[in-house]
C-alpha atoms as a PDB file:
ATOM      1  CA  MET A   1      -6.628  21.665   2.908  1.00  0.00           C
ATOM      2  CA  ALA A   2      -7.292  21.085  -0.912  1.00  0.00           C
ATOM      3  CA  ARG A   3     -10.614  19.333  -2.214  1.00  0.00           C
ATOM      4  CA  VAL A   4      -9.724  17.179  -5.637  1.00  0.00           C
ATOM      5  CA  LYS A   5     -12.865  16.510  -8.192  1.00  0.00           C
ATOM      6  CA  VAL A   6     -12.476  12.835  -8.888  1.00  0.00           C
ATOM      7  CA  GLY A   7     -15.909  12.028 -10.110  1.00  0.00           C
ATOM      8  CA  GLY A   8     -17.042  12.901 -13.275  1.00  0.00           C
ATOM      9  CA  ASN A   9     -13.693  14.075 -14.260  1.00  0.00           C
ATOM     10  CA  SER A  10     -10.885  12.859 -16.795  1.00  0.00           C
ATOM     11  CA  GLY A  11     -12.678   9.418 -17.500  1.00  0.00           C
ATOM     12  CA  ILE A  12     -13.872   8.614 -13.724  1.00  0.00           C
ATOM     13  CA  PRO A  13     -17.846   8.079 -13.856  1.00  0.00           C
ATOM     14  CA  ALA A  14     -19.716  10.298 -11.824  1.00  0.00           C
ATOM     15  CA  ASP A  15     -21.003   7.049  -9.795  1.00  0.00           C
ATOM     16  CA  ALA A  16     -17.422   6.301  -8.665  1.00  0.00           C
ATOM     17  CA  THR A  17     -17.404   5.437  -4.931  1.00  0.00           C
ATOM     18  CA  ALA A  18     -13.882   4.870  -4.179  1.00  0.00           C
ATOM     19  CA  VAL A  19     -10.413   6.052  -5.690  1.00  0.00           C
ATOM     20  CA  ALA A  20      -6.938   5.276  -5.742  1.00  0.00           C
ATOM     21  CA  LEU A  21      -4.579   8.000  -5.546  1.00  0.00           C
ATOM     22  CA  ASN A  22      -1.099   8.293  -4.792  1.00  0.00           C
ATOM     23  CA  VAL A  23      -0.480  10.890  -3.174  1.00  0.00           C
ATOM     24  CA  THR A  24       3.178  12.591  -2.728  1.00  0.00           C
ATOM     25  CA  VAL A  25       4.016  15.193  -0.261  1.00  0.00           C
ATOM     26  CA  VAL A  26       6.590  17.591  -1.700  1.00  0.00           C
ATOM     27  CA  SER A  27       8.838  20.190   0.625  1.00  0.00           C
ATOM     28  CA  PRO A  28       6.859  20.418   3.445  1.00  0.00           C
ATOM     29  CA  ARG A  29       7.902  23.477   6.054  1.00  0.00           C
ATOM     30  CA  SER A  30       7.330  21.303   8.719  1.00  0.00           C
ATOM     31  CA  GLY A  31       6.550  17.885   9.740  1.00  0.00           C
ATOM     32  CA  GLY A  32       3.093  16.916  10.100  1.00  0.00           C
ATOM     33  CA  HIS A  33       0.774  13.844   8.071  1.00  0.00           C
ATOM     34  CA  ILE A  34      -1.981  13.901   5.180  1.00  0.00           C
ATOM     35  CA  THR A  35      -5.769  12.667   5.979  1.00  0.00           C
ATOM     36  CA  ALA A  36      -7.632  11.741   3.023  1.00  0.00           C
ATOM     37  CA  TYR A  37     -11.786  11.446   3.389  1.00  0.00           C
ATOM     38  CA  PRO A  38     -14.316  12.042   1.298  1.00  0.00           C
ATOM     39  CA  SER A  39     -15.881  15.335   1.196  1.00  0.00           C
ATOM     40  CA  GLY A  40     -19.135  16.231   2.864  1.00  0.00           C
ATOM     41  CA  THR A  41     -18.139  14.300   6.001  1.00  0.00           C
ATOM     42  CA  GLU A  42     -16.690  14.816   9.274  1.00  0.00           C
ATOM     43  CA  GLN A  43     -12.841  14.695   9.574  1.00  0.00           C
ATOM     44  CA  PRO A  44     -10.997  11.381  10.641  1.00  0.00           C
ATOM     45  CA  THR A  45      -8.673  10.837  13.089  1.00  0.00           C
ATOM     46  CA  THR A  46      -6.769   8.553  10.459  1.00  0.00           C
ATOM     47  CA  SER A  47      -3.248   9.670   8.416  1.00  0.00           C
ATOM     48  CA  ASN A  48      -2.347   8.610   5.192  1.00  0.00           C
ATOM     49  CA  VAL A  49       1.235  10.282   4.264  1.00  0.00           C
ATOM     50  CA  ASN A  50       3.555  11.064   7.423  1.00  0.00           C
ATOM     51  CA  PHE A  51       6.295  13.566   6.459  1.00  0.00           C
ATOM     52  CA  VAL A  52       8.957  15.480   8.647  1.00  0.00           C
ATOM     53  CA  ALA A  53      10.560  19.048   6.996  1.00  0.00           C
ATOM     54  CA  GLY A  54      11.913  19.043   3.568  1.00  0.00           C
ATOM     55  CA  GLN A  55      11.014  15.519   3.046  1.00  0.00           C
ATOM     56  CA  THR A  56       9.664  14.256  -0.252  1.00  0.00           C
ATOM     57  CA  VAL A  57       7.298  11.074   0.034  1.00  0.00           C
ATOM     58  CA  PRO A  58       4.761   9.061  -1.155  1.00  0.00           C
ATOM     59  CA  ASN A  59       1.549   6.639  -0.120  1.00  0.00           C
ATOM     60  CA  MET A  60      -0.995   5.233  -2.251  1.00  0.00           C
ATOM     61  CA  THR A  61      -4.648   5.843  -0.282  1.00  0.00           C
ATOM     62  CA  ILE A  62      -8.038   4.270  -1.143  1.00  0.00           C
ATOM     63  CA  VAL A  63     -10.476   6.760  -0.312  1.00  0.00           C
ATOM     64  CA  PRO A  64     -14.313   7.108  -0.239  1.00  0.00           C
ATOM     65  CA  VAL A  65     -15.642   9.817  -2.986  1.00  0.00           C
ATOM     66  CA  GLY A  66     -18.349  12.620  -1.522  1.00  0.00           C
ATOM     67  CA  ALA A  67     -21.945  12.873  -2.813  1.00  0.00           C
ATOM     68  CA  ASP A  68     -20.247  16.051  -4.817  1.00  0.00           C
ATOM     69  CA  GLY A  69     -17.545  13.743  -6.569  1.00  0.00           C
ATOM     70  CA  TYR A  70     -14.831  15.309  -4.343  1.00  0.00           C
ATOM     71  CA  VAL A  71     -12.219  13.948  -1.669  1.00  0.00           C
ATOM     72  CA  GLU A  72     -10.614  16.043   0.421  1.00  0.00           C
ATOM     73  CA  LEU A  73      -6.936  16.626   1.196  1.00  0.00           C
ATOM     74  CA  LEU A  74      -6.114  17.875   4.671  1.00  0.00           C
ATOM     75  CA  ASN A  75      -2.520  19.382   5.687  1.00  0.00           C
ATOM     76  CA  ARG A  76      -2.287  18.383   9.624  1.00  0.00           C
ATOM     77  CA  SER A  77       0.925  20.136  10.160  1.00  0.00           C
ATOM     78  CA  TYR A  78       1.990  23.736  11.202  1.00  0.00           C
ATOM     79  CA  GLY A  79       3.625  24.536   7.544  1.00  0.00           C
ATOM     80  CA  ASP A  80       2.628  24.957   3.964  1.00  0.00           C
ATOM     81  CA  VAL A  81       3.172  21.616   1.736  1.00  0.00           C
ATOM     82  CA  ASP A  82       2.606  21.054  -1.648  1.00  0.00           C
ATOM     83  CA  LEU A  83       0.685  17.948  -2.877  1.00  0.00           C
ATOM     84  CA  LEU A  84       0.915  15.845  -6.053  1.00  0.00           C
ATOM     85  CA  ALA A  85      -2.342  13.214  -6.655  1.00  0.00           C
ATOM     86  CA  ASP A  86      -2.146  10.918  -9.439  1.00  0.00           C
ATOM     87  CA  VAL A  87      -5.334   8.905 -10.098  1.00  0.00           C
ATOM     88  CA  THR A  88      -4.286   4.709 -10.503  1.00  0.00           C
ATOM     89  CA  GLY A  89      -7.991   3.651 -10.586  1.00  0.00           C
ATOM     90  CA  TYR A  90     -11.643   3.729  -9.453  1.00  0.00           C
ATOM     91  CA  PHE A  91     -13.952   1.629  -7.885  1.00  0.00           C
ATOM     92  CA  SER A  92     -17.830   1.971  -8.856  1.00  0.00           C
ATOM     93  CA  PRO A  93     -21.040   0.130  -9.610  1.00  0.00           C
ATOM     94  CA  SER A  94     -20.477   0.495 -13.060  1.00  0.00           C
ATOM     95  CA  ALA A  95     -17.015  -0.639 -13.576  1.00  0.00           C
ATOM     96  CA  SER A  96     -16.086  -3.855 -15.798  1.00  0.00           C
ATOM     97  CA  ALA A  97     -12.802  -4.702 -14.308  1.00  0.00           C
ATOM     98  CA  GLY A  98     -14.247  -7.489 -11.935  1.00  0.00           C
ATOM     99  CA  GLY A  99     -13.601  -8.217  -8.378  1.00  0.00           C
ATOM    100  CA  TYR A 100     -10.684  -8.431  -6.077  1.00  0.00           C
ATOM    101  CA  THR A 101      -8.500 -11.646  -4.995  1.00  0.00           C
ATOM    102  CA  SER A 102      -6.404 -11.132  -2.207  1.00  0.00           C
ATOM    103  CA  LEU A 103      -3.341 -13.641  -1.826  1.00  0.00           C
ATOM    104  CA  GLU A 104      -0.721 -14.533   0.542  1.00  0.00           C
ATOM    105  CA  PRO A 105       2.149 -11.912  -0.395  1.00  0.00           C
ATOM    106  CA  PHE A 106       5.068 -13.302  -2.579  1.00  0.00           C
ATOM    107  CA  ARG A 107       8.026 -11.722  -3.980  1.00  0.00           C
ATOM    108  CA  ILE A 108       8.875 -11.804  -7.897  1.00  0.00           C
ATOM    109  CA  ALA A 109      11.485  -9.368  -8.105  1.00  0.00           C
ATOM    110  CA  ASP A 110      14.322  -8.513  -6.364  1.00  0.00           C
ATOM    111  CA  SER A 111      17.478  -6.899  -7.926  1.00  0.00           C
ATOM    112  CA  ARG A 112      19.751  -7.481  -4.925  1.00  0.00           C
ATOM    113  CA  THR A 113      19.941 -11.467  -5.784  1.00  0.00           C
ATOM    114  CA  GLY A 114      18.691 -11.574  -9.975  1.00  0.00           C
ATOM    115  CA  GLN A 115      15.416 -12.360  -9.164  1.00  0.00           C
ATOM    116  CA  GLY A 116      13.068 -10.411 -11.813  1.00  0.00           C
ATOM    117  CA  THR A 117      16.218  -8.616 -13.203  1.00  0.00           C
ATOM    118  CA  TRP A 118      19.666  -8.438 -12.454  1.00  0.00           C
ATOM    119  CA  GLY A 119      21.986  -5.930 -10.429  1.00  0.00           C
ATOM    120  CA  PRO A 120      20.654  -2.405  -9.465  1.00  0.00           C
ATOM    121  CA  VAL A 121      18.241  -1.170 -11.758  1.00  0.00           C
ATOM    122  CA  SER A 122      19.984   1.601 -14.022  1.00  0.00           C
ATOM    123  CA  GLY A 123      18.821   5.356 -14.141  1.00  0.00           C
ATOM    124  CA  GLN A 124      16.674   5.872 -16.840  1.00  0.00           C
ATOM    125  CA  SER A 125      16.242   2.355 -17.769  1.00  0.00           C
ATOM    126  CA  THR A 126      12.864   0.048 -18.043  1.00  0.00           C
ATOM    127  CA  PHE A 127      12.600  -3.911 -16.891  1.00  0.00           C
ATOM    128  CA  GLY A 128       9.656  -6.060 -17.302  1.00  0.00           C
ATOM    129  CA  LEU A 129       8.218  -8.210 -15.493  1.00  0.00           C
ATOM    130  CA  GLN A 130       5.659 -11.552 -16.208  1.00  0.00           C
ATOM    131  CA  VAL A 131       2.768 -11.372 -13.817  1.00  0.00           C
ATOM    132  CA  ALA A 132       0.153 -13.151 -15.130  1.00  0.00           C
ATOM    133  CA  GLY A 133       0.841 -16.750 -14.316  1.00  0.00           C
ATOM    134  CA  ASN A 134       3.311 -16.175 -11.631  1.00  0.00           C
ATOM    135  CA  GLY A 135       2.230 -17.870  -8.597  1.00  0.00           C
ATOM    136  CA  ALA A 136      -1.170 -17.417  -7.934  1.00  0.00           C
ATOM    137  CA  VAL A 137      -2.006 -14.864 -10.333  1.00  0.00           C
ATOM    138  CA  PRO A 138      -3.968 -16.822 -13.280  1.00  0.00           C
ATOM    139  CA  ALA A 139      -2.555 -16.770 -16.542  1.00  0.00           C
ATOM    140  CA  SER A 140      -5.193 -15.058 -17.943  1.00  0.00           C
ATOM    141  CA  GLY A 141      -8.205 -12.751 -17.357  1.00  0.00           C
ATOM    142  CA  VAL A 142      -6.217 -10.336 -15.268  1.00  0.00           C
ATOM    143  CA  THR A 143      -7.296  -6.881 -14.975  1.00  0.00           C
ATOM    144  CA  ALA A 144      -4.941  -5.115 -12.841  1.00  0.00           C
ATOM    145  CA  VAL A 145      -2.428  -6.519 -10.014  1.00  0.00           C
ATOM    146  CA  THR A 146      -1.462  -5.021  -6.579  1.00  0.00           C
ATOM    147  CA  LEU A 147       1.843  -4.797  -5.398  1.00  0.00           C
ATOM    148  CA  ASN A 148       3.925  -3.739  -3.011  1.00  0.00           C
ATOM    149  CA  VAL A 149       7.059  -2.018  -4.564  1.00  0.00           C
ATOM    150  CA  THR A 150      10.115  -1.245  -2.907  1.00  0.00           C
ATOM    151  CA  VAL A 151      13.191   1.091  -3.183  1.00  0.00           C
ATOM    152  CA  THR A 152      16.647   0.002  -1.510  1.00  0.00           C
ATOM    153  CA  ALA A 153      20.409   1.866  -1.778  1.00  0.00           C
ATOM    154  CA  PRO A 154      19.243   4.125  -4.408  1.00  0.00           C
ATOM    155  CA  ARG A 155      22.683   6.061  -5.672  1.00  0.00           C
ATOM    156  CA  GLY A 156      20.963   9.250  -6.001  1.00  0.00           C
ATOM    157  CA  ALA A 157      17.418  10.927  -5.913  1.00  0.00           C
ATOM    158  CA  GLY A 158      14.367   9.861  -8.128  1.00  0.00           C
ATOM    159  CA  HIS A 159      11.493   8.413  -8.886  1.00  0.00           C
ATOM    160  CA  LEU A 160       9.930   5.016  -9.928  1.00  0.00           C
ATOM    161  CA  THR A 161       6.653   4.382 -12.673  1.00  0.00           C
ATOM    162  CA  VAL A 162       4.878   1.319 -12.522  1.00  0.00           C
ATOM    163  CA  PHE A 163       2.995   0.654 -15.839  1.00  0.00           C
ATOM    164  CA  PRO A 164       1.641  -1.933 -18.397  1.00  0.00           C
ATOM    165  CA  THR A 165       3.633  -3.062 -21.068  1.00  0.00           C
ATOM    166  CA  GLY A 166       3.109  -1.688 -24.738  1.00  0.00           C
ATOM    167  CA  GLN A 167       2.640   1.936 -23.244  1.00  0.00           C
ATOM    168  CA  SER A 168       4.961   4.567 -22.774  1.00  0.00           C
ATOM    169  CA  ALA A 169       5.896   5.769 -19.276  1.00  0.00           C
ATOM    170  CA  PRO A 170       3.295   7.963 -17.854  1.00  0.00           C
ATOM    171  CA  ASP A 171       4.209  11.173 -16.027  1.00  0.00           C
ATOM    172  CA  THR A 172       3.282   9.876 -12.806  1.00  0.00           C
ATOM    173  CA  SER A 173       5.305   8.323 -10.160  1.00  0.00           C
ATOM    174  CA  ASN A 174       4.977   5.462  -8.012  1.00  0.00           C
ATOM    175  CA  VAL A 175       7.855   5.591  -5.424  1.00  0.00           C
ATOM    176  CA  ASN A 176       9.761   8.784  -5.158  1.00  0.00           C
ATOM    177  CA  PHE A 177      13.205   8.357  -3.364  1.00  0.00           C
ATOM    178  CA  LYS A 178      16.617  10.386  -2.299  1.00  0.00           C
ATOM    179  CA  ALA A 179      19.959   8.778  -2.423  1.00  0.00           C
ATOM    180  CA  GLY A 180      20.108   5.807  -0.186  1.00  0.00           C
ATOM    181  CA  GLN A 181      16.634   5.574   1.132  1.00  0.00           C
ATOM    182  CA  THR A 182      14.767   2.313   1.459  1.00  0.00           C
ATOM    183  CA  ILE A 183      10.968   2.980   0.821  1.00  0.00           C
ATOM    184  CA  ALA A 184       8.250   1.045  -0.261  1.00  0.00           C
ATOM    185  CA  ASN A 185       4.699   2.348  -1.745  1.00  0.00           C
ATOM    186  CA  SER A 186       1.216   0.043  -2.519  1.00  0.00           C
ATOM    187  CA  VAL A 187       0.955   0.026  -6.245  1.00  0.00           C
ATOM    188  CA  ILE A 188      -2.186  -1.086  -8.281  1.00  0.00           C
ATOM    189  CA  VAL A 189      -1.072  -1.742 -12.024  1.00  0.00           C
ATOM    190  CA  PRO A 190      -3.064  -2.309 -15.066  1.00  0.00           C
ATOM    191  CA  VAL A 191      -2.269  -5.925 -17.192  1.00  0.00           C
ATOM    192  CA  VAL A 192      -2.636  -5.928 -20.291  1.00  0.00           C
ATOM    193  CA  PRO A 193      -3.180  -9.170 -22.606  1.00  0.00           C
ATOM    194  CA  ASP A 194       0.562 -10.389 -22.419  1.00  0.00           C
ATOM    195  CA  GLY A 195       0.387 -10.540 -18.781  1.00  0.00           C
ATOM    196  CA  ARG A 196       3.436  -8.061 -18.529  1.00  0.00           C
ATOM    197  CA  ILE A 197       4.174  -4.831 -17.071  1.00  0.00           C
ATOM    198  CA  ASN A 198       7.293  -2.614 -16.706  1.00  0.00           C
ATOM    199  CA  ILE A 199       9.011  -0.480 -13.705  1.00  0.00           C
ATOM    200  CA  ARG A 200      11.073   2.312 -14.973  1.00  0.00           C
ATOM    201  CA  ASN A 201      13.518   4.088 -12.820  1.00  0.00           C
ATOM    202  CA  GLY A 202      13.142   7.758 -13.550  1.00  0.00           C
ATOM    203  CA  ALA A 203      16.572   8.687 -12.007  1.00  0.00           C
ATOM    204  CA  TRP A 204      19.773   9.429 -13.136  1.00  0.00           C
ATOM    205  CA  ASP A 205      21.343   6.667 -10.829  1.00  0.00           C
ATOM    206  CA  PRO A 206      21.098   3.135 -10.123  1.00  0.00           C
ATOM    207  CA  ALA A 207      18.830   1.811  -7.302  1.00  0.00           C
ATOM    208  CA  ASP A 208      17.840  -1.663  -6.556  1.00  0.00           C
ATOM    209  CA  VAL A 209      14.160  -2.694  -6.813  1.00  0.00           C
ATOM    210  CA  ILE A 210      11.775  -5.406  -4.859  1.00  0.00           C
ATOM    211  CA  VAL A 211       8.617  -6.311  -5.863  1.00  0.00           C
ATOM    212  CA  ASP A 212       5.657  -8.280  -4.178  1.00  0.00           C
ATOM    213  CA  VAL A 213       2.345  -9.020  -5.423  1.00  0.00           C
ATOM    214  CA  VAL A 214      -0.375  -8.926  -2.817  1.00  0.00           C
ATOM    215  CA  GLY A 215      -3.450  -9.310  -4.891  1.00  0.00           C
ATOM    216  CA  TYR A 216      -5.419  -9.063  -8.701  1.00  0.00           C
ATOM    217  CA  TYR A 217      -8.542  -8.204  -9.901  1.00  0.00           C
ATOM    218  CA  SER A 218     -10.097  -9.987 -12.732  1.00  0.00           C
ATOM    219  CA  PRO A 219     -14.246 -10.617 -13.820  1.00  0.00           C
ATOM    220  CA  GLY A 220     -13.544 -14.203 -12.461  1.00  0.00           C
ATOM    221  CA  SER A 221     -13.158 -12.575  -8.533  1.00  0.00           C
ATOM    222  CA  LYS A 222     -16.038 -12.107  -6.393  1.00  0.00           C
ATOM    223  CA  ALA A 223     -15.163  -9.782  -3.482  1.00  0.00           C
ATOM    224  CA  SER A 224     -16.118  -6.510  -4.476  1.00  0.00           C
ATOM    225  CA  TYR A 225     -14.904  -3.362  -2.752  1.00  0.00           C
ATOM    226  CA  ILE A 226     -16.709  -1.692   0.016  1.00  0.00           C
ATOM    227  CA  PRO A 227     -15.577   1.808   1.138  1.00  0.00           C
ATOM    228  CA  THR A 228     -16.203   3.184   4.886  1.00  0.00           C
ATOM    229  CA  THR A 229     -15.581   5.831   7.219  1.00  0.00           C
ATOM    230  CA  PRO A 230     -11.808   6.205   7.373  1.00  0.00           C
ATOM    231  CA  THR A 231     -11.329   4.610  11.178  1.00  0.00           C
ATOM    232  CA  ARG A 232      -8.352   3.694  13.395  1.00  0.00           C
ATOM    233  CA  LEU A 233      -8.334   0.041  14.614  1.00  0.00           C
ATOM    234  CA  HIS A 234      -5.043   0.127  16.245  1.00  0.00           C
ATOM    235  CA  ASP A 235      -2.547   2.509  17.820  1.00  0.00           C
ATOM    236  CA  SER A 236      -0.018   1.095  20.444  1.00  0.00           C
ATOM    237  CA  ARG A 237       0.903   4.365  21.468  1.00  0.00           C
ATOM    238  CA  ASP A 238      -2.530   4.158  23.591  1.00  0.00           C
ATOM    239  CA  TRP A 239      -1.170   1.990  25.993  1.00  0.00           C
ATOM    240  CA  ASP A 240       2.400   2.132  25.601  1.00  0.00           C
ATOM    241  CA  PHE A 241       2.826  -1.504  24.253  1.00  0.00           C
ATOM    242  CA  PRO A 242       5.104  -1.141  21.378  1.00  0.00           C
ATOM    243  CA  VAL A 243       5.939  -4.436  18.522  1.00  0.00           C
ATOM    244  CA  GLU A 244       8.718  -5.716  20.073  1.00  0.00           C
ATOM    245  CA  GLY A 245      11.944  -6.828  17.656  1.00  0.00           C
ATOM    246  CA  GLN A 246      11.040  -9.718  15.699  1.00  0.00           C
ATOM    247  CA  ASP A 247       7.565 -10.375  17.165  1.00  0.00           C
ATOM    248  CA  PHE A 248       3.841  -9.759  15.817  1.00  0.00           C
ATOM    249  CA  ARG A 249       0.770  -8.189  16.703  1.00  0.00           C
ATOM    250  CA  TRP A 250      -2.182  -9.789  15.494  1.00  0.00           C
ATOM    251  CA  LEU A 251      -5.779  -7.948  15.516  1.00  0.00           C
ATOM    252  CA  PRO A 252      -9.003 -10.298  15.091  1.00  0.00           C
ATOM    253  CA  LEU A 253     -10.611  -7.859  11.871  1.00  0.00           C
ATOM    254  CA  SER A 254     -13.003 -10.373  10.418  1.00  0.00           C
ATOM    255  CA  ASP A 255     -13.366 -13.672  11.977  1.00  0.00           C
ATOM    256  CA  ASP A 256     -16.661 -13.482  12.265  1.00  0.00           C
ATOM    257  CA  ASP A 257     -17.617 -12.747   8.727  1.00  0.00           C
ATOM    258  CA  PRO A 258     -15.668 -15.079   6.380  1.00  0.00           C
ATOM    259  CA  ALA A 259     -17.192 -13.095   3.484  1.00  0.00           C
ATOM    260  CA  ILE A 260     -14.386 -10.517   3.880  1.00  0.00           C
ATOM    261  CA  THR A 261     -11.516 -11.139   2.320  1.00  0.00           C
ATOM    262  CA  ALA A 262      -9.282  -8.590   2.492  1.00  0.00           C
ATOM    263  CA  PHE A 263      -8.928  -4.709   4.066  1.00  0.00           C
ATOM    264  CA  VAL A 264      -7.555  -1.674   2.812  1.00  0.00           C
ATOM    265  CA  LEU A 265      -5.312  -0.356   5.767  1.00  0.00           C
ATOM    266  CA  ASN A 266      -2.989   2.442   6.060  1.00  0.00           C
ATOM    267  CA  THR A 267      -0.088   0.949   8.410  1.00  0.00           C
ATOM    268  CA  THR A 268       2.353   3.420  10.155  1.00  0.00           C
ATOM    269  CA  VAL A 269       5.248   2.778  12.538  1.00  0.00           C
ATOM    270  CA  THR A 270       6.514   5.340  14.257  1.00  0.00           C
ATOM    271  CA  ASP A 271       8.887   5.756  17.576  1.00  0.00           C
ATOM    272  CA  THR A 272      11.225   3.588  15.999  1.00  0.00           C
ATOM    273  CA  GLN A 273      13.958   2.363  17.605  1.00  0.00           C
ATOM    274  CA  GLY A 274      16.111   0.924  15.316  1.00  0.00           C
ATOM    275  CA  SER A 275      16.094  -0.204  11.467  1.00  0.00           C
ATOM    276  CA  GLY A 276      13.886  -2.745  10.169  1.00  0.00           C
ATOM    277  CA  HIS A 277      10.436  -3.555   7.982  1.00  0.00           C
ATOM    278  CA  LEU A 278       6.466  -4.319   8.972  1.00  0.00           C
ATOM    279  CA  THR A 279       5.609  -7.677   6.880  1.00  0.00           C
ATOM    280  CA  VAL A 280       1.576  -7.774   7.048  1.00  0.00           C
ATOM    281  CA  ALA A 281      -0.047 -11.485   6.816  1.00  0.00           C
ATOM    282  CA  PRO A 282      -3.006 -13.936   7.256  1.00  0.00           C
ATOM    283  CA  ASP A 283      -2.740 -15.743  10.809  1.00  0.00           C
ATOM    284  CA  PRO A 284      -2.681 -19.513   9.947  1.00  0.00           C
ATOM    285  CA  TYR A 285      -4.789 -19.640  13.410  1.00  0.00           C
ATOM    286  CA  THR A 286      -8.355 -18.528  14.882  1.00  0.00           C
ATOM    287  CA  SER A 287      -8.891 -15.518  17.173  1.00  0.00           C
ATOM    288  CA  ALA A 288      -9.904 -18.318  19.601  1.00  0.00           C
ATOM    289  CA  GLN A 289      -6.709 -20.017  19.395  1.00  0.00           C
ATOM    290  CA  ARG A 290      -4.614 -16.550  19.710  1.00  0.00           C
ATOM    291  CA  TYR A 291      -6.956 -15.850  23.170  1.00  0.00           C
ATOM    292  CA  SER A 292      -6.473 -19.479  24.634  1.00  0.00           C
ATOM    293  CA  GLY A 293      -2.523 -19.216  23.990  1.00  0.00           C
ATOM    294  CA  THR A 294      -2.889 -22.486  22.447  1.00  0.00           C
ATOM    295  CA  ALA A 295      -1.766 -20.834  18.841  1.00  0.00           C
ATOM    296  CA  PRO A 296       2.227 -21.155  18.234  1.00  0.00           C
ATOM    297  CA  LYS A 297       4.352 -18.347  16.483  1.00  0.00           C
ATOM    298  CA  PRO A 298       3.285 -18.311  12.652  1.00  0.00           C
ATOM    299  CA  THR A 299       6.016 -18.113  10.050  1.00  0.00           C
ATOM    300  CA  PRO A 300       6.134 -14.640   8.192  1.00  0.00           C
ATOM    301  CA  PRO A 301       6.337 -14.672   4.608  1.00  0.00           C
ATOM    302  CA  ASN A 302       9.384 -14.095   3.102  1.00  0.00           C
ATOM    303  CA  SER A 303       7.748  -9.897   1.641  1.00  0.00           C
ATOM    304  CA  SER A 304       7.795  -6.562   3.077  1.00  0.00           C
ATOM    305  CA  ASN A 305       5.499  -3.720   3.092  1.00  0.00           C
ATOM    306  CA  LEU A 306       7.555  -1.017   4.573  1.00  0.00           C
ATOM    307  CA  ASN A 307      10.985  -0.193   5.655  1.00  0.00           C
ATOM    308  CA  TRP A 308      12.463   2.138   8.492  1.00  0.00           C
ATOM    309  CA  THR A 309      15.571   3.279   9.872  1.00  0.00           C
ATOM    310  CA  ARG A 310      15.865   4.905  13.613  1.00  0.00           C
ATOM    311  CA  GLY A 311      13.318   8.058  14.609  1.00  0.00           C
ATOM    312  CA  GLU A 312      11.594   7.767  11.398  1.00  0.00           C
ATOM    313  CA  THR A 313       7.917   7.613  11.168  1.00  0.00           C
ATOM    314  CA  VAL A 314       6.449   5.487   7.968  1.00  0.00           C
ATOM    315  CA  PRO A 315       3.048   4.814   6.606  1.00  0.00           C
ATOM    316  CA  ASN A 316       1.970   2.591   3.500  1.00  0.00           C
ATOM    317  CA  LEU A 317      -1.107   1.355   2.072  1.00  0.00           C
ATOM    318  CA  VAL A 318      -1.782  -2.351   2.688  1.00  0.00           C
ATOM    319  CA  GLN A 319      -4.521  -4.338   1.135  1.00  0.00           C
ATOM    320  CA  ALA A 320      -4.456  -7.159   3.421  1.00  0.00           C
ATOM    321  CA  SER A 321      -5.812 -10.731   2.875  1.00  0.00           C
ATOM    322  CA  THR A 322      -7.674 -12.211   6.068  1.00  0.00           C
ATOM    323  CA  GLY A 323      -6.480 -16.020   5.008  1.00  0.00           C
ATOM    324  CA  THR A 324      -8.665 -18.230   5.995  1.00  0.00           C
ATOM    325  CA  THR A 325      -9.223 -17.090   9.714  1.00  0.00           C
ATOM    326  CA  GLY A 326     -10.098 -13.277   9.467  1.00  0.00           C
ATOM    327  CA  VAL A 327      -6.849 -12.691  11.918  1.00  0.00           C
ATOM    328  CA  ILE A 328      -3.988 -10.631  10.327  1.00  0.00           C
ATOM    329  CA  ASP A 329      -0.451 -10.418  11.873  1.00  0.00           C
ATOM    330  CA  PHE A 330       1.642  -7.127  11.404  1.00  0.00           C
ATOM    331  CA  TRP A 331       5.190  -8.349  12.038  1.00  0.00           C
ATOM    332  CA  ASN A 332       8.157  -6.694  12.902  1.00  0.00           C
ATOM    333  CA  ARG A 333      10.974  -7.672  11.090  1.00  0.00           C
ATOM    334  CA  GLY A 334      13.523  -5.694  12.924  1.00  0.00           C
ATOM    335  CA  TRP A 335      15.667  -6.183  15.869  1.00  0.00           C
ATOM    336  CA  ASP A 336      14.268  -3.094  18.156  1.00  0.00           C
ATOM    337  CA  ARG A 337      10.695  -1.863  19.316  1.00  0.00           C
ATOM    338  CA  THR A 338       8.536  -0.241  17.175  1.00  0.00           C
ATOM    339  CA  HIS A 339       4.844   1.383  17.998  1.00  0.00           C
ATOM    340  CA  LEU A 340       2.307   0.498  15.248  1.00  0.00           C
ATOM    341  CA  VAL A 341      -0.808   2.739  14.326  1.00  0.00           C
ATOM    342  CA  VAL A 342      -3.668   1.227  11.931  1.00  0.00           C
ATOM    343  CA  ASP A 343      -6.139   2.726   9.947  1.00  0.00           C
ATOM    344  CA  MET A 344      -9.225   0.961   8.115  1.00  0.00           C
ATOM    345  CA  PHE A 345     -10.088   2.496   4.859  1.00  0.00           C
ATOM    346  CA  GLY A 346     -12.396  -0.008   3.656  1.00  0.00           C
ATOM    347  CA  PHE A 347     -12.453  -4.021   2.852  1.00  0.00           C
ATOM    348  CA  TYR A 348     -13.488  -6.431  -0.212  1.00  0.00           C
ATOM    349  CA  ASP A 349     -16.102  -8.792   0.669  1.00  0.00           C
ATOM    350  CA  LYS A 350     -17.439 -11.614  -1.641  1.00  0.00           C
ATOM    351  CA  SER A 351     -21.304 -11.751  -0.391  1.00  0.00           C
END
């Protein structure tokens, strides 16, 4: 177990209620998972980063901060593991960035199609993206944006770093990858007044990059983050009820509380029977319509939250919008079945 001091450390206020950490597992000696939770609380049964021996894998987590200012990172494997923890933000009563607005996910960059940047991103190079004024993101007043960043078909091993324009690339990583791997990670990045962000390929070889926007922070946004005890909401292995290929699992998470605008979830696929990707999006129909069988199958958006190949266990953090109904859909966009695990770490409330 590793104890990490966050409250009152390196510019994070002592009254921080939660912290956004990018946790990277490096060279684990055996397979397992990492669980992040506030110090002074009972160890939960949830997971944040899943890995196999020898793998380097990152995952964003938003974890409550213990009363003493610490968070715990528990290694639930039978071997030693090296951990990197990069702070990307925090939540506190004294924070001035404003509240959060969740969005229906939409794509702003896909180097494979020339959207946002032309062709694979060269090694040791940086490209910029306009986020303010793009899609449903306001043209001004945005302090930070929440993204899902995916690397696919990298020609060599390396990492991506996402940061505001006008600044030097920090010595941190958001997505780590090996040659040929497709991997995604959630990213929260500050937005400067020009409304642009940079993405740097820290590898020596080219890689394709995909960027989806899922929400933003601004003084005009009304939803505040409420951290909760990490809780498992769904595990399809419990009933041997995997999500079939090209099908979805719907969860009525806030159908009785319209003040909740989004949930912070860790989604994990495991026992995957083929390749595919997961898309998380609000359902346009109510839980009553779903239970009665009167709601048709919705159309998933053109976005992705995590990618996998056969036999993999892959996690990723999702800040999932509740839409207008409080029902959230988890789409298996592959052609083969997969098991789905959903853990909750908090929610955004505008009341």
